[in-house]
Amino acid sequence: MTNTLPDGFSDLETYVADWALPTRAQRYAARLDRPFDELVAFYDAVAPRAEEAIAYLDGLDITALPEDATRLLHLLYSMILVSYAVNVFKQNRIPDSGAAFFEMVAEPSV
């Protein structure tokens, strides 16, 4: 497997293709489309490494992140997005939201 994440985060490589997504809309679509068990597995793998990943990223210039660090940041963004589904809602969708969807008009550029 090609290393697509910074050294020390190879255990998360398996999640890059599905979860290192550049936009909030893509991350939310992945949350809705993937089986709930996959959300739990992803969250359980990334959450324990989050503080370490944040500390690693804090040492870099956010305006000039290398590609591997950007993918790690995107994994963290996805972990945050699925955290409510896993820990609060216990399902992919927000309860009682039906087909409602809020389109973001702005999001971080990183």
PDB file of N, CA and C in Angstrom:
ATOM      1  N   MET A   1       0.846  -1.182   0.000  1.00  0.00           N
ATOM      2  CA  MET A   1       0.000   0.000   0.000  1.00  0.00           C
ATOM      3  C   MET A   1       0.891   1.245   0.000  1.00  0.00           C
ATOM      4  N   THR A   2       0.526   2.213  -0.757  1.00  0.00           N
ATOM      5  CA  THR A   2       1.254   3.474  -0.803  1.00  0.00           C
ATOM      6  C   THR A   2       0.933   4.282   0.450  1.00  0.00           C
ATOM      7  N   ASN A   3       1.955   4.885   1.024  1.00  0.00           N
ATOM      8  CA  ASN A   3       1.719   5.736   2.189  1.00  0.00           C
ATOM      9  C   ASN A   3       1.095   7.042   1.729  1.00  0.00           C
ATOM     10  N   THR A   4      -0.116   7.274   2.160  1.00  0.00           N
ATOM     11  CA  THR A   4      -0.806   8.508   1.798  1.00  0.00           C
ATOM     12  C   THR A   4      -0.986   9.420   2.998  1.00  0.00           C
ATOM     13  N   LEU A   5      -0.552   8.942   4.167  1.00  0.00           N
ATOM     14  CA  LEU A   5      -0.634   9.722   5.400  1.00  0.00           C
ATOM     15  C   LEU A   5       0.773   9.938   5.950  1.00  0.00           C
ATOM     16  N   PRO A   6       0.942  10.895   6.835  1.00  0.00           N
ATOM     17  CA  PRO A   6       2.263  11.120   7.426  1.00  0.00           C
ATOM     18  C   PRO A   6       2.756   9.886   8.186  1.00  0.00           C
ATOM     19  N   ASP A   7       4.072   9.794   8.339  1.00  0.00           N
ATOM     20  CA  ASP A   7       4.666   8.713   9.121  1.00  0.00           C
ATOM     21  C   ASP A   7       4.021   8.671  10.502  1.00  0.00           C
ATOM     22  N   GLY A   8       3.762   7.465  10.965  1.00  0.00           N
ATOM     23  CA  GLY A   8       3.157   7.292  12.277  1.00  0.00           C
ATOM     24  C   GLY A   8       1.654   7.116  12.244  1.00  0.00           C
ATOM     25  N   PHE A   9       1.048   7.299  11.082  1.00  0.00           N
ATOM     26  CA  PHE A   9      -0.403   7.172  10.966  1.00  0.00           C
ATOM     27  C   PHE A   9      -0.802   6.089   9.960  1.00  0.00           C
ATOM     28  N   SER A  10       0.087   5.148   9.709  1.00  0.00           N
ATOM     29  CA  SER A  10      -0.171   4.113   8.700  1.00  0.00           C
ATOM     30  C   SER A  10      -1.362   3.234   9.067  1.00  0.00           C
ATOM     31  N   ASP A  11      -1.682   3.125  10.357  1.00  0.00           N
ATOM     32  CA  ASP A  11      -2.827   2.315  10.763  1.00  0.00           C
ATOM     33  C   ASP A  11      -4.151   2.901  10.270  1.00  0.00           C
ATOM     34  N   LEU A  12      -4.142   4.148   9.846  1.00  0.00           N
ATOM     35  CA  LEU A  12      -5.363   4.795   9.347  1.00  0.00           C
ATOM     36  C   LEU A  12      -5.458   4.792   7.821  1.00  0.00           C
ATOM     37  N   GLU A  13      -4.443   4.252   7.155  1.00  0.00           N
ATOM     38  CA  GLU A  13      -4.409   4.234   5.682  1.00  0.00           C
ATOM     39  C   GLU A  13      -5.665   3.612   5.082  1.00  0.00           C
ATOM     40  N   THR A  14      -6.179   2.584   5.713  1.00  0.00           N
ATOM     41  CA  THR A  14      -7.337   1.879   5.169  1.00  0.00           C
ATOM     42  C   THR A  14      -8.569   2.778   5.022  1.00  0.00           C
ATOM     43  N   TYR A  15      -8.593   3.897   5.729  1.00  0.00           N
ATOM     44  CA  TYR A  15      -9.753   4.796   5.699  1.00  0.00           C
ATOM     45  C   TYR A  15      -9.605   5.966   4.732  1.00  0.00           C
ATOM     46  N   VAL A  16      -8.438   6.125   4.154  1.00  0.00           N
ATOM     47  CA  VAL A  16      -8.174   7.301   3.312  1.00  0.00           C
ATOM     48  C   VAL A  16      -9.114   7.373   2.110  1.00  0.00           C
ATOM     49  N   ALA A  17      -9.263   6.293   1.377  1.00  0.00           N
ATOM     50  CA  ALA A  17     -10.065   6.323   0.148  1.00  0.00           C
ATOM     51  C   ALA A  17     -11.519   6.714   0.417  1.00  0.00           C
ATOM     52  N   ASP A  18     -12.066   6.243   1.524  1.00  0.00           N
ATOM     53  CA  ASP A  18     -13.483   6.480   1.812  1.00  0.00           C
ATOM     54  C   ASP A  18     -13.760   7.729   2.637  1.00  0.00           C
ATOM     55  N   TRP A  19     -12.766   8.189   3.416  1.00  0.00           N
ATOM     56  CA  TRP A  19     -13.054   9.234   4.387  1.00  0.00           C
ATOM     57  C   TRP A  19     -12.186  10.475   4.299  1.00  0.00           C
ATOM     58  N   ALA A  20     -11.079  10.462   3.591  1.00  0.00           N
ATOM     59  CA  ALA A  20     -10.242  11.671   3.463  1.00  0.00           C
ATOM     60  C   ALA A  20     -10.798  12.520   2.326  1.00  0.00           C
ATOM     61  N   LEU A  21     -11.986  13.013   2.534  1.00  0.00           N
ATOM     62  CA  LEU A  21     -12.734  13.726   1.496  1.00  0.00           C
ATOM     63  C   LEU A  21     -12.588  15.232   1.685  1.00  0.00           C
ATOM     64  N   PRO A  22     -12.417  15.966   0.587  1.00  0.00           N
ATOM     65  CA  PRO A  22     -12.080  17.384   0.686  1.00  0.00           C
ATOM     66  C   PRO A  22     -13.222  18.334   1.044  1.00  0.00           C
ATOM     67  N   THR A  23     -14.468  17.916   0.883  1.00  0.00           N
ATOM     68  CA  THR A  23     -15.558  18.853   1.170  1.00  0.00           C
ATOM     69  C   THR A  23     -16.520  18.276   2.200  1.00  0.00           C
ATOM     70  N   ARG A  24     -17.190  19.169   2.892  1.00  0.00           N
ATOM     71  CA  ARG A  24     -18.183  18.762   3.878  1.00  0.00           C
ATOM     72  C   ARG A  24     -19.323  17.997   3.210  1.00  0.00           C
ATOM     73  N   ALA A  25     -19.727  18.430   2.033  1.00  0.00           N
ATOM     74  CA  ALA A  25     -20.811  17.745   1.320  1.00  0.00           C
ATOM     75  C   ALA A  25     -20.433  16.298   1.012  1.00  0.00           C
ATOM     76  N   GLN A  26     -19.199  16.066   0.588  1.00  0.00           N
ATOM     77  CA  GLN A  26     -18.746  14.697   0.318  1.00  0.00           C
ATOM     78  C   GLN A  26     -18.695  13.874   1.601  1.00  0.00           C
ATOM     79  N   ARG A  27     -18.235  14.482   2.679  1.00  0.00           N
ATOM     80  CA  ARG A  27     -18.160  13.764   3.954  1.00  0.00           C
ATOM     81  C   ARG A  27     -19.563  13.416   4.462  1.00  0.00           C
ATOM     82  N   TYR A  28     -20.496  14.348   4.322  1.00  0.00           N
ATOM     83  CA  TYR A  28     -21.861  14.093   4.778  1.00  0.00           C
ATOM     84  C   TYR A  28     -22.515  13.008   3.921  1.00  0.00           C
ATOM     85  N   ALA A  29     -22.292  13.048   2.620  1.00  0.00           N
ATOM     86  CA  ALA A  29     -22.828  12.005   1.741  1.00  0.00           C
ATOM     87  C   ALA A  29     -22.265  10.640   2.128  1.00  0.00           C
ATOM     88  N   ALA A  30     -20.974  10.582   2.450  1.00  0.00           N
ATOM     89  CA  ALA A  30     -20.367   9.317   2.874  1.00  0.00           C
ATOM     90  C   ALA A  30     -21.011   8.834   4.170  1.00  0.00           C
ATOM     91  N   ARG A  31     -21.273   9.754   5.084  1.00  0.00           N
ATOM     92  CA  ARG A  31     -21.927   9.384   6.346  1.00  0.00           C
ATOM     93  C   ARG A  31     -23.299   8.778   6.091  1.00  0.00           C
ATOM     94  N   LEU A  32     -24.044   9.356   5.159  1.00  0.00           N
ATOM     95  CA  LEU A  32     -25.382   8.845   4.866  1.00  0.00           C
ATOM     96  C   LEU A  32     -25.345   7.543   4.076  1.00  0.00           C
ATOM     97  N   ASP A  33     -24.357   7.386   3.199  1.00  0.00           N
ATOM     98  CA  ASP A  33     -24.310   6.245   2.282  1.00  0.00           C
ATOM     99  C   ASP A  33     -23.696   4.982   2.877  1.00  0.00           C
ATOM    100  N   ARG A  34     -22.811   5.113   3.825  1.00  0.00           N
ATOM    101  CA  ARG A  34     -22.102   3.954   4.375  1.00  0.00           C
ATOM    102  C   ARG A  34     -22.944   3.276   5.453  1.00  0.00           C
ATOM    103  N   PRO A  35     -22.805   1.960   5.569  1.00  0.00           N
ATOM    104  CA  PRO A  35     -23.501   1.268   6.663  1.00  0.00           C
ATOM    105  C   PRO A  35     -23.045   1.821   8.018  1.00  0.00           C
ATOM    106  N   PHE A  36     -23.947   1.859   8.971  1.00  0.00           N
ATOM    107  CA  PHE A  36     -23.634   2.419  10.284  1.00  0.00           C
ATOM    108  C   PHE A  36     -22.436   1.720  10.925  1.00  0.00           C
ATOM    109  N   ASP A  37     -22.332   0.408  10.741  1.00  0.00           N
ATOM    110  CA  ASP A  37     -21.189  -0.334  11.303  1.00  0.00           C
ATOM    111  C   ASP A  37     -19.861   0.219  10.801  1.00  0.00           C
ATOM    112  N   GLU A  38     -19.819   0.670   9.547  1.00  0.00           N
ATOM    113  CA  GLU A  38     -18.589   1.251   9.000  1.00  0.00           C
ATOM    114  C   GLU A  38     -18.290   2.605   9.643  1.00  0.00           C
ATOM    115  N   LEU A  39     -19.315   3.374   9.937  1.00  0.00           N
ATOM    116  CA  LEU A  39     -19.108   4.643  10.639  1.00  0.00           C
ATOM    117  C   LEU A  39     -18.493   4.390  12.010  1.00  0.00           C
ATOM    118  N   VAL A  40     -19.028   3.401  12.709  1.00  0.00           N
ATOM    119  CA  VAL A  40     -18.522   3.072  14.041  1.00  0.00           C
ATOM    120  C   VAL A  40     -17.069   2.611  13.957  1.00  0.00           C
ATOM    121  N   ALA A  41     -16.759   1.741  13.002  1.00  0.00           N
ATOM    122  CA  ALA A  41     -15.383   1.246  12.855  1.00  0.00           C
ATOM    123  C   ALA A  41     -14.425   2.389  12.535  1.00  0.00           C
ATOM    124  N   PHE A  42     -14.837   3.279  11.635  1.00  0.00           N
ATOM    125  CA  PHE A  42     -14.007   4.432  11.286  1.00  0.00           C
ATOM    126  C   PHE A  42     -13.791   5.320  12.510  1.00  0.00           C
ATOM    127  N   TYR A  43     -14.856   5.653  13.191  1.00  0.00           N
ATOM    128  CA  TYR A  43     -14.751   6.511  14.374  1.00  0.00           C
ATOM    129  C   TYR A  43     -13.860   5.864  15.438  1.00  0.00           C
ATOM    130  N   ASP A  44     -14.068   4.580  15.686  1.00  0.00           N
ATOM    131  CA  ASP A  44     -13.292   3.877  16.706  1.00  0.00           C
ATOM    132  C   ASP A  44     -11.809   3.798  16.359  1.00  0.00           C
ATOM    133  N   ALA A  45     -11.477   3.842  15.079  1.00  0.00           N
ATOM    134  CA  ALA A  45     -10.071   3.817  14.663  1.00  0.00           C
ATOM    135  C   ALA A  45      -9.425   5.192  14.756  1.00  0.00           C
ATOM    136  N   VAL A  46     -10.149   6.228  14.367  1.00  0.00           N
ATOM    137  CA  VAL A  46      -9.558   7.568  14.283  1.00  0.00           C
ATOM    138  C   VAL A  46      -9.618   8.316  15.617  1.00  0.00           C
ATOM    139  N   ALA A  47     -10.698   8.205  16.348  1.00  0.00           N
ATOM    140  CA  ALA A  47     -10.866   8.988  17.580  1.00  0.00           C
ATOM    141  C   ALA A  47      -9.707   8.825  18.569  1.00  0.00           C
ATOM    142  N   PRO A  48      -9.219   7.611  18.810  1.00  0.00           N
ATOM    143  CA  PRO A  48      -8.109   7.486  19.759  1.00  0.00           C
ATOM    144  C   PRO A  48      -6.808   8.136  19.270  1.00  0.00           C
ATOM    145  N   ARG A  49      -6.706   8.379  17.982  1.00  0.00           N
ATOM    146  CA  ARG A  49      -5.508   8.985  17.397  1.00  0.00           C
ATOM    147  C   ARG A  49      -5.679  10.479  17.150  1.00  0.00           C
ATOM    148  N   ALA A  50      -6.859  11.019  17.458  1.00  0.00           N
ATOM    149  CA  ALA A  50      -7.166  12.411  17.114  1.00  0.00           C
ATOM    150  C   ALA A  50      -6.227  13.402  17.785  1.00  0.00           C
ATOM    151  N   GLU A  51      -5.990  13.264  19.069  1.00  0.00           N
ATOM    152  CA  GLU A  51      -5.112  14.214  19.766  1.00  0.00           C
ATOM    153  C   GLU A  51      -3.704  14.190  19.178  1.00  0.00           C
ATOM    154  N   GLU A  52      -3.218  12.995  18.873  1.00  0.00           N
ATOM    155  CA  GLU A  52      -1.890  12.862  18.259  1.00  0.00           C
ATOM    156  C   GLU A  52      -1.867  13.511  16.877  1.00  0.00           C
ATOM    157  N   ALA A  53      -2.935  13.299  16.109  1.00  0.00           N
ATOM    158  CA  ALA A  53      -3.016  13.894  14.772  1.00  0.00           C
ATOM    159  C   ALA A  53      -3.080  15.416  14.863  1.00  0.00           C
ATOM    160  N   ILE A  54      -3.842  15.922  15.809  1.00  0.00           N
ATOM    161  CA  ILE A  54      -3.940  17.376  15.989  1.00  0.00           C
ATOM    162  C   ILE A  54      -2.586  17.950  16.379  1.00  0.00           C
ATOM    163  N   ALA A  55      -1.895  17.282  17.285  1.00  0.00           N
ATOM    164  CA  ALA A  55      -0.565  17.749  17.700  1.00  0.00           C
ATOM    165  C   ALA A  55       0.393  17.756  16.514  1.00  0.00           C
ATOM    166  N   TYR A  56       0.313  16.727  15.674  1.00  0.00           N
ATOM    167  CA  TYR A  56       1.161  16.677  14.479  1.00  0.00           C
ATOM    168  C   TYR A  56       0.836  17.857  13.557  1.00  0.00           C
ATOM    169  N   LEU A  57      -0.436  18.064  13.291  1.00  0.00           N
ATOM    170  CA  LEU A  57      -0.850  19.130  12.378  1.00  0.00           C
ATOM    171  C   LEU A  57      -0.548  20.514  12.942  1.00  0.00           C
ATOM    172  N   ASP A  58      -0.621  20.658  14.257  1.00  0.00           N
ATOM    173  CA  ASP A  58      -0.302  21.946  14.887  1.00  0.00           C
ATOM    174  C   ASP A  58       1.138  22.372  14.626  1.00  0.00           C
ATOM    175  N   GLY A  59       2.002  21.415  14.350  1.00  0.00           N
ATOM    176  CA  GLY A  59       3.400  21.731  14.080  1.00  0.00           C
ATOM    177  C   GLY A  59       3.667  22.170  12.655  1.00  0.00           C
ATOM    178  N   LEU A  60       2.628  22.210  11.842  1.00  0.00           N
ATOM    179  CA  LEU A  60       2.775  22.562  10.426  1.00  0.00           C
ATOM    180  C   LEU A  60       2.100  23.899  10.134  1.00  0.00           C
ATOM    181  N   ASP A  61       2.483  24.496   9.033  1.00  0.00           N
ATOM    182  CA  ASP A  61       1.846  25.724   8.551  1.00  0.00           C
ATOM    183  C   ASP A  61       0.564  25.329   7.824  1.00  0.00           C
ATOM    184  N   ILE A  62      -0.574  25.687   8.377  1.00  0.00           N
ATOM    185  CA  ILE A  62      -1.855  25.264   7.798  1.00  0.00           C
ATOM    186  C   ILE A  62      -2.076  25.815   6.389  1.00  0.00           C
ATOM    187  N   THR A  63      -1.396  26.892   6.051  1.00  0.00           N
ATOM    188  CA  THR A  63      -1.552  27.458   4.707  1.00  0.00           C
ATOM    189  C   THR A  63      -0.670  26.759   3.684  1.00  0.00           C
ATOM    190  N   ALA A  64       0.177  25.839   4.140  1.00  0.00           N
ATOM    191  CA  ALA A  64       1.076  25.129   3.224  1.00  0.00           C
ATOM    192  C   ALA A  64       1.211  23.666   3.631  1.00  0.00           C
ATOM    193  N   LEU A  65       0.079  23.021   3.923  1.00  0.00           N
ATOM    194  CA  LEU A  65       0.123  21.620   4.338  1.00  0.00           C
ATOM    195  C   LEU A  65       0.533  20.727   3.178  1.00  0.00           C
ATOM    196  N   PRO A  66       1.427  19.771   3.425  1.00  0.00           N
ATOM    197  CA  PRO A  66       1.708  18.775   2.394  1.00  0.00           C
ATOM    198  C   PRO A  66       0.469  17.894   2.186  1.00  0.00           C
ATOM    199  N   GLU A  67       0.428  17.195   1.066  1.00  0.00           N
ATOM    200  CA  GLU A  67      -0.756  16.396   0.727  1.00  0.00           C
ATOM    201  C   GLU A  67      -1.068  15.346   1.781  1.00  0.00           C
ATOM    202  N   ASP A  68      -0.044  14.691   2.328  1.00  0.00           N
ATOM    203  CA  ASP A  68      -0.309  13.653   3.325  1.00  0.00           C
ATOM    204  C   ASP A  68      -0.937  14.243   4.586  1.00  0.00           C
ATOM    205  N   ALA A  69      -0.501  15.429   4.983  1.00  0.00           N
ATOM    206  CA  ALA A  69      -1.075  16.099   6.155  1.00  0.00           C
ATOM    207  C   ALA A  69      -2.496  16.580   5.865  1.00  0.00           C
ATOM    208  N   THR A  70      -2.746  17.028   4.656  1.00  0.00           N
ATOM    209  CA  THR A  70      -4.099  17.445   4.276  1.00  0.00           C
ATOM    210  C   THR A  70      -5.051  16.263   4.352  1.00  0.00           C
ATOM    211  N   ARG A  71      -4.611  15.094   3.906  1.00  0.00           N
ATOM    212  CA  ARG A  71      -5.459  13.900   4.013  1.00  0.00           C
ATOM    213  C   ARG A  71      -5.743  13.561   5.479  1.00  0.00           C
ATOM    214  N   LEU A  72      -4.734  13.697   6.331  1.00  0.00           N
ATOM    215  CA  LEU A  72      -4.936  13.452   7.761  1.00  0.00           C
ATOM    216  C   LEU A  72      -5.959  14.440   8.324  1.00  0.00           C
ATOM    217  N   LEU A  73      -5.862  15.702   7.939  1.00  0.00           N
ATOM    218  CA  LEU A  73      -6.829  16.710   8.363  1.00  0.00           C
ATOM    219  C   LEU A  73      -8.235  16.346   7.888  1.00  0.00           C
ATOM    220  N   HIS A  74      -8.353  15.893   6.650  1.00  0.00           N
ATOM    221  CA  HIS A  74      -9.658  15.494   6.123  1.00  0.00           C
ATOM    222  C   HIS A  74     -10.220  14.300   6.890  1.00  0.00           C
ATOM    223  N   LEU A  75      -9.353  13.365   7.307  1.00  0.00           N
ATOM    224  CA  LEU A  75      -9.824  12.251   8.141  1.00  0.00           C
ATOM    225  C   LEU A  75     -10.385  12.773   9.464  1.00  0.00           C
ATOM    226  N   LEU A  76      -9.707  13.752  10.048  1.00  0.00           N
ATOM    227  CA  LEU A  76     -10.214  14.340  11.293  1.00  0.00           C
ATOM    228  C   LEU A  76     -11.558  15.026  11.068  1.00  0.00           C
ATOM    229  N   TYR A  77     -11.681  15.758   9.968  1.00  0.00           N
ATOM    230  CA  TYR A  77     -12.966  16.395   9.651  1.00  0.00           C
ATOM    231  C   TYR A  77     -14.074  15.341   9.547  1.00  0.00           C
ATOM    232  N   SER A  78     -13.773  14.223   8.882  1.00  0.00           N
ATOM    233  CA  SER A  78     -14.771  13.158   8.741  1.00  0.00           C
ATOM    234  C   SER A  78     -15.102  12.535  10.086  1.00  0.00           C
ATOM    235  N   MET A  79     -14.091  12.339  10.925  1.00  0.00           N
ATOM    236  CA  MET A  79     -14.335  11.782  12.252  1.00  0.00           C
ATOM    237  C   MET A  79     -15.291  12.682  13.040  1.00  0.00           C
ATOM    238  N   ILE A  80     -15.071  13.984  12.952  1.00  0.00           N
ATOM    239  CA  ILE A  80     -15.948  14.929  13.641  1.00  0.00           C
ATOM    240  C   ILE A  80     -17.369  14.822  13.093  1.00  0.00           C
ATOM    241  N   LEU A  81     -17.495  14.720  11.782  1.00  0.00           N
ATOM    242  CA  LEU A  81     -18.816  14.647  11.165  1.00  0.00           C
ATOM    243  C   LEU A  81     -19.566  13.378  11.562  1.00  0.00           C
ATOM    244  N   VAL A  82     -18.869  12.258  11.698  1.00  0.00           N
ATOM    245  CA  VAL A  82     -19.555  11.017  12.068  1.00  0.00           C
ATOM    246  C   VAL A  82     -19.711  10.872  13.579  1.00  0.00           C
ATOM    247  N   SER A  83     -19.042  11.710  14.357  1.00  0.00           N
ATOM    248  CA  SER A  83     -19.088  11.544  15.814  1.00  0.00           C
ATOM    249  C   SER A  83     -20.510  11.663  16.365  1.00  0.00           C
ATOM    250  N   TYR A  84     -21.279  12.605  15.862  1.00  0.00           N
ATOM    251  CA  TYR A  84     -22.659  12.730  16.336  1.00  0.00           C
ATOM    252  C   TYR A  84     -23.487  11.522  15.928  1.00  0.00           C
ATOM    253  N   ALA A  85     -23.287  11.041  14.726  1.00  0.00           N
ATOM    254  CA  ALA A  85     -24.017   9.859  14.273  1.00  0.00           C
ATOM    255  C   ALA A  85     -23.714   8.663  15.176  1.00  0.00           C
ATOM    256  N   VAL A  86     -22.451   8.500  15.523  1.00  0.00           N
ATOM    257  CA  VAL A  86     -22.028   7.350  16.324  1.00  0.00           C
ATOM    258  C   VAL A  86     -22.391   7.521  17.795  1.00  0.00           C
ATOM    259  N   ASN A  87     -22.085   8.669  18.361  1.00  0.00           N
ATOM    260  CA  ASN A  87     -22.203   8.850  19.811  1.00  0.00           C
ATOM    261  C   ASN A  87     -23.543   9.391  20.291  1.00  0.00           C
ATOM    262  N   VAL A  88     -24.248  10.125  19.444  1.00  0.00           N
ATOM    263  CA  VAL A  88     -25.485  10.762  19.883  1.00  0.00           C
ATOM    264  C   VAL A  88     -26.703  10.134  19.209  1.00  0.00           C
ATOM    265  N   PHE A  89     -26.714  10.140  17.877  1.00  0.00           N
ATOM    266  CA  PHE A  89     -27.897   9.689  17.147  1.00  0.00           C
ATOM    267  C   PHE A  89     -28.019   8.174  17.079  1.00  0.00           C
ATOM    268  N   LYS A  90     -26.881   7.472  17.118  1.00  0.00           N
ATOM    269  CA  LYS A  90     -26.837   6.008  16.984  1.00  0.00           C
ATOM    270  C   LYS A  90     -27.412   5.555  15.646  1.00  0.00           C
ATOM    271  N   GLN A  91     -27.302   6.420  14.652  1.00  0.00           N
ATOM    272  CA  GLN A  91     -27.735   6.139  13.278  1.00  0.00           C
ATOM    273  C   GLN A  91     -27.115   7.198  12.374  1.00  0.00           C
ATOM    274  N   ASN A  92     -27.123   6.938  11.084  1.00  0.00           N
ATOM    275  CA  ASN A  92     -26.468   7.833  10.130  1.00  0.00           C
ATOM    276  C   ASN A  92     -27.130   9.204  10.041  1.00  0.00           C
ATOM    277  N   ARG A  93     -28.448   9.203  10.008  1.00  0.00           N
ATOM    278  CA  ARG A  93     -29.199  10.452   9.835  1.00  0.00           C
ATOM    279  C   ARG A  93     -29.549  11.077  11.173  1.00  0.00           C
ATOM    280  N   ILE A  94     -29.802  12.366  11.133  1.00  0.00           N
ATOM    281  CA  ILE A  94     -30.327  13.046  12.308  1.00  0.00           C
ATOM    282  C   ILE A  94     -31.755  12.540  12.508  1.00  0.00           C
ATOM    283  N   PRO A  95     -32.104  12.086  13.710  1.00  0.00           N
ATOM    284  CA  PRO A  95     -33.456  11.556  13.922  1.00  0.00           C
ATOM    285  C   PRO A  95     -34.535  12.560  13.515  1.00  0.00           C
ATOM    286  N   ASP A  96     -35.567  12.032  12.899  1.00  0.00           N
ATOM    287  CA  ASP A  96     -36.738  12.806  12.494  1.00  0.00           C
ATOM    288  C   ASP A  96     -36.434  13.898  11.476  1.00  0.00           C
ATOM    289  N   SER A  97     -35.321  13.775  10.763  1.00  0.00           N
ATOM    290  CA  SER A  97     -34.985  14.798   9.764  1.00  0.00           C
ATOM    291  C   SER A  97     -35.518  14.464   8.378  1.00  0.00           C
ATOM    292  N   GLY A  98     -35.986  13.228   8.190  1.00  0.00           N
ATOM    293  CA  GLY A  98     -36.494  12.840   6.885  1.00  0.00           C
ATOM    294  C   GLY A  98     -35.469  13.065   5.801  1.00  0.00           C
ATOM    295  N   ALA A  99     -35.890  13.669   4.714  1.00  0.00           N
ATOM    296  CA  ALA A  99     -34.987  13.928   3.589  1.00  0.00           C
ATOM    297  C   ALA A  99     -34.399  15.333   3.644  1.00  0.00           C
ATOM    298  N   ALA A 100     -34.600  16.029   4.753  1.00  0.00           N
ATOM    299  CA  ALA A 100     -34.096  17.401   4.872  1.00  0.00           C
ATOM    300  C   ALA A 100     -32.581  17.434   4.742  1.00  0.00           C
ATOM    301  N   PHE A 101     -32.090  18.479   4.110  1.00  0.00           N
ATOM    302  CA  PHE A 101     -30.646  18.651   3.950  1.00  0.00           C
ATOM    303  C   PHE A 101     -30.339  20.134   3.922  1.00  0.00           C
ATOM    304  N   PHE A 102     -29.346  20.534   4.674  1.00  0.00           N
ATOM    305  CA  PHE A 102     -28.921  21.926   4.711  1.00  0.00           C
ATOM    306  C   PHE A 102     -27.682  22.067   3.845  1.00  0.00           C
ATOM    307  N   GLU A 103     -27.773  22.862   2.809  1.00  0.00           N
ATOM    308  CA  GLU A 103     -26.637  23.074   1.907  1.00  0.00           C
ATOM    309  C   GLU A 103     -25.739  24.156   2.489  1.00  0.00           C
ATOM    310  N   MET A 104     -24.488  23.799   2.719  1.00  0.00           N
ATOM    311  CA  MET A 104     -23.523  24.774   3.242  1.00  0.00           C
ATOM    312  C   MET A 104     -23.175  25.758   2.134  1.00  0.00           C
ATOM    313  N   VAL A 105     -23.059  27.004   2.488  1.00  0.00           N
ATOM    314  CA  VAL A 105     -22.664  28.008   1.501  1.00  0.00           C
ATOM    315  C   VAL A 105     -21.200  28.396   1.648  1.00  0.00           C
ATOM    316  N   ALA A 106     -20.593  28.022   2.769  1.00  0.00           N
ATOM    317  CA  ALA A 106     -19.175  28.302   2.990  1.00  0.00           C
ATOM    318  C   ALA A 106     -18.610  27.233   3.905  1.00  0.00           C
ATOM    319  N   GLU A 107     -17.353  26.912   3.717  1.00  0.00           N
ATOM    320  CA  GLU A 107     -16.670  25.968   4.584  1.00  0.00           C
ATOM    321  C   GLU A 107     -15.188  26.297   4.563  1.00  0.00           C
ATOM    322  N   PRO A 108     -14.421  25.755   5.497  1.00  0.00           N
ATOM    323  CA  PRO A 108     -12.989  26.058   5.510  1.00  0.00           C
ATOM    324  C   PRO A 108     -12.334  25.709   4.178  1.00  0.00           C
ATOM    325  N   SER A 109     -11.365  26.486   3.787  1.00  0.00           N
ATOM    326  CA  SER A 109     -10.713  26.254   2.495  1.00  0.00           C
ATOM    327  C   SER A 109      -9.605  25.222   2.567  1.00  0.00           C
ATOM    328  N   VAL A 110      -9.290  24.735   3.754  1.00  0.00           N
ATOM    329  CA  VAL A 110      -8.217  23.741   3.906  1.00  0.00           C
ATOM    330  C   VAL A 110      -8.757  22.374   3.630  1.00  0.00           C
TER     331      VAL A 110
END
